[in-house]
N, C-alpha and C. Protein backbone atom coordinates (compact mmCIF):
# COMPACT_ATOMS: atom_id res chain seq x y z
N MET A 1 -88.82 -65.47 -224.73
CA MET A 1 -90.27 -65.53 -224.68
C MET A 1 -90.68 -66.61 -223.67
N LYS A 2 -91.53 -66.27 -222.74
CA LYS A 2 -91.97 -67.19 -221.70
C LYS A 2 -93.21 -67.94 -222.19
N LYS A 3 -93.18 -69.24 -222.10
CA LYS A 3 -94.32 -70.05 -222.51
C LYS A 3 -95.35 -70.08 -221.39
N ILE A 4 -96.55 -69.69 -221.69
CA ILE A 4 -97.62 -69.64 -220.69
C ILE A 4 -98.49 -70.89 -220.85
N GLU A 5 -98.54 -71.69 -219.81
CA GLU A 5 -99.33 -72.91 -219.81
C GLU A 5 -100.69 -72.64 -219.17
N THR A 6 -101.65 -72.22 -219.95
CA THR A 6 -102.99 -72.02 -219.43
C THR A 6 -103.81 -73.27 -219.74
N LYS A 7 -104.97 -73.34 -219.14
CA LYS A 7 -105.87 -74.47 -219.39
C LYS A 7 -106.20 -74.57 -220.88
N SER A 8 -106.42 -73.44 -221.52
CA SER A 8 -106.75 -73.43 -222.95
C SER A 8 -105.60 -73.94 -223.79
N VAL A 9 -104.38 -73.53 -223.45
CA VAL A 9 -103.20 -73.95 -224.21
C VAL A 9 -103.01 -75.46 -224.07
N VAL A 10 -103.15 -75.97 -222.87
CA VAL A 10 -102.99 -77.40 -222.63
C VAL A 10 -104.04 -78.19 -223.40
N LEU A 11 -105.26 -77.72 -223.38
CA LEU A 11 -106.34 -78.39 -224.10
C LEU A 11 -106.09 -78.35 -225.61
N LEU A 12 -105.65 -77.21 -226.12
CA LEU A 12 -105.35 -77.09 -227.55
C LEU A 12 -104.22 -78.06 -227.92
N GLN A 13 -103.17 -78.11 -227.11
CA GLN A 13 -102.07 -79.03 -227.39
C GLN A 13 -102.55 -80.47 -227.42
N HIS A 14 -103.41 -80.83 -226.50
CA HIS A 14 -103.97 -82.18 -226.46
C HIS A 14 -104.71 -82.51 -227.75
N HIS A 15 -105.56 -81.58 -228.20
CA HIS A 15 -106.34 -81.81 -229.41
C HIS A 15 -105.45 -81.88 -230.66
N LEU A 16 -104.45 -81.01 -230.73
CA LEU A 16 -103.55 -81.03 -231.88
C LEU A 16 -102.76 -82.34 -231.94
N LYS A 17 -102.38 -82.87 -230.79
CA LYS A 17 -101.70 -84.17 -230.77
C LYS A 17 -102.65 -85.27 -231.23
N ALA A 18 -103.89 -85.23 -230.75
CA ALA A 18 -104.88 -86.25 -231.13
C ALA A 18 -105.19 -86.19 -232.62
N LEU A 19 -105.17 -84.98 -233.19
CA LEU A 19 -105.45 -84.80 -234.62
C LEU A 19 -104.21 -85.03 -235.48
N LYS A 20 -103.07 -85.28 -234.83
CA LYS A 20 -101.80 -85.52 -235.51
C LYS A 20 -101.42 -84.34 -236.41
N LEU A 21 -101.37 -83.16 -235.78
CA LEU A 21 -101.00 -81.92 -236.45
C LEU A 21 -99.74 -81.36 -235.80
N PRO A 22 -98.59 -82.02 -236.01
CA PRO A 22 -97.38 -81.62 -235.30
C PRO A 22 -96.85 -80.23 -235.66
N THR A 23 -97.00 -79.82 -236.90
CA THR A 23 -96.49 -78.51 -237.29
C THR A 23 -97.29 -77.41 -236.62
N ILE A 24 -98.59 -77.53 -236.60
CA ILE A 24 -99.42 -76.53 -235.93
C ILE A 24 -99.12 -76.54 -234.44
N LEU A 25 -98.97 -77.71 -233.87
CA LEU A 25 -98.63 -77.83 -232.45
C LEU A 25 -97.32 -77.11 -232.14
N ALA A 26 -96.34 -77.28 -233.01
CA ALA A 26 -95.03 -76.68 -232.78
C ALA A 26 -95.04 -75.16 -232.94
N GLU A 27 -95.90 -74.64 -233.78
CA GLU A 27 -95.87 -73.21 -234.12
C GLU A 27 -96.95 -72.36 -233.46
N CYS A 28 -98.02 -72.96 -232.96
CA CYS A 28 -99.18 -72.17 -232.52
C CYS A 28 -98.86 -71.20 -231.38
N GLN A 29 -98.04 -71.61 -230.42
CA GLN A 29 -97.73 -70.73 -229.29
C GLN A 29 -96.93 -69.52 -229.75
N LYS A 30 -95.97 -69.75 -230.65
CA LYS A 30 -95.14 -68.66 -231.17
C LYS A 30 -96.01 -67.67 -231.96
N ILE A 31 -96.89 -68.18 -232.79
CA ILE A 31 -97.76 -67.32 -233.59
C ILE A 31 -98.74 -66.58 -232.69
N ALA A 32 -99.29 -67.26 -231.69
CA ALA A 32 -100.22 -66.62 -230.76
C ALA A 32 -99.55 -65.47 -230.01
N SER A 33 -98.31 -65.69 -229.59
CA SER A 33 -97.57 -64.63 -228.89
C SER A 33 -97.32 -63.43 -229.80
N ARG A 34 -96.97 -63.70 -231.04
CA ARG A 34 -96.73 -62.63 -232.02
C ARG A 34 -98.02 -61.85 -232.27
N CYS A 35 -99.13 -62.57 -232.42
CA CYS A 35 -100.42 -61.91 -232.65
C CYS A 35 -100.83 -61.06 -231.44
N ALA A 36 -100.59 -61.57 -230.25
CA ALA A 36 -100.93 -60.80 -229.05
C ALA A 36 -100.12 -59.52 -228.99
N ALA A 37 -98.84 -59.60 -229.33
CA ALA A 37 -97.98 -58.42 -229.32
C ALA A 37 -98.41 -57.39 -230.37
N ASP A 38 -98.92 -57.89 -231.50
CA ASP A 38 -99.35 -57.01 -232.60
C ASP A 38 -100.83 -56.64 -232.52
N ASN A 39 -101.52 -57.10 -231.45
CA ASN A 39 -102.94 -56.84 -231.25
C ASN A 39 -103.79 -57.36 -232.42
N VAL A 40 -103.48 -58.58 -232.86
CA VAL A 40 -104.20 -59.22 -233.96
C VAL A 40 -105.35 -60.04 -233.35
N ASP A 41 -106.54 -59.95 -233.93
CA ASP A 41 -107.69 -60.69 -233.39
C ASP A 41 -107.63 -62.17 -233.79
N HIS A 42 -108.63 -62.93 -233.36
CA HIS A 42 -108.63 -64.37 -233.58
C HIS A 42 -108.68 -64.75 -235.06
N LEU A 43 -109.37 -63.96 -235.86
CA LEU A 43 -109.43 -64.26 -237.29
C LEU A 43 -108.07 -63.99 -237.95
N GLY A 44 -107.43 -62.94 -237.53
CA GLY A 44 -106.09 -62.64 -238.02
C GLY A 44 -105.11 -63.73 -237.62
N PHE A 45 -105.28 -64.26 -236.41
CA PHE A 45 -104.43 -65.37 -235.95
C PHE A 45 -104.54 -66.56 -236.88
N LEU A 46 -105.78 -66.88 -237.28
CA LEU A 46 -105.99 -68.04 -238.15
C LEU A 46 -105.36 -67.85 -239.53
N LEU A 47 -105.16 -66.60 -239.92
CA LEU A 47 -104.57 -66.32 -241.22
C LEU A 47 -103.04 -66.23 -241.18
N GLN A 48 -102.46 -66.28 -240.00
CA GLN A 48 -101.01 -66.14 -239.85
C GLN A 48 -100.28 -67.36 -240.37
N ARG A 49 -99.04 -67.14 -240.76
CA ARG A 49 -98.16 -68.24 -241.17
C ARG A 49 -96.94 -68.21 -240.26
N ALA A 50 -96.33 -69.36 -240.13
CA ALA A 50 -95.10 -69.45 -239.35
C ALA A 50 -94.00 -68.71 -240.11
N ARG A 51 -93.13 -68.06 -239.38
CA ARG A 51 -91.99 -67.36 -240.01
C ARG A 51 -90.72 -68.10 -239.75
């Protein structure tokens, strides 16, 4: 899986670090990629859990 560094991803990573949310930081890209592949919308993304 190729990690895509977009402006939004970089900004999200910055905020997650500032909020001290390391687990979400570590898992968000993987979950986002899975949701994109499964055509899951943003609300579905928020309901996802790390596998």
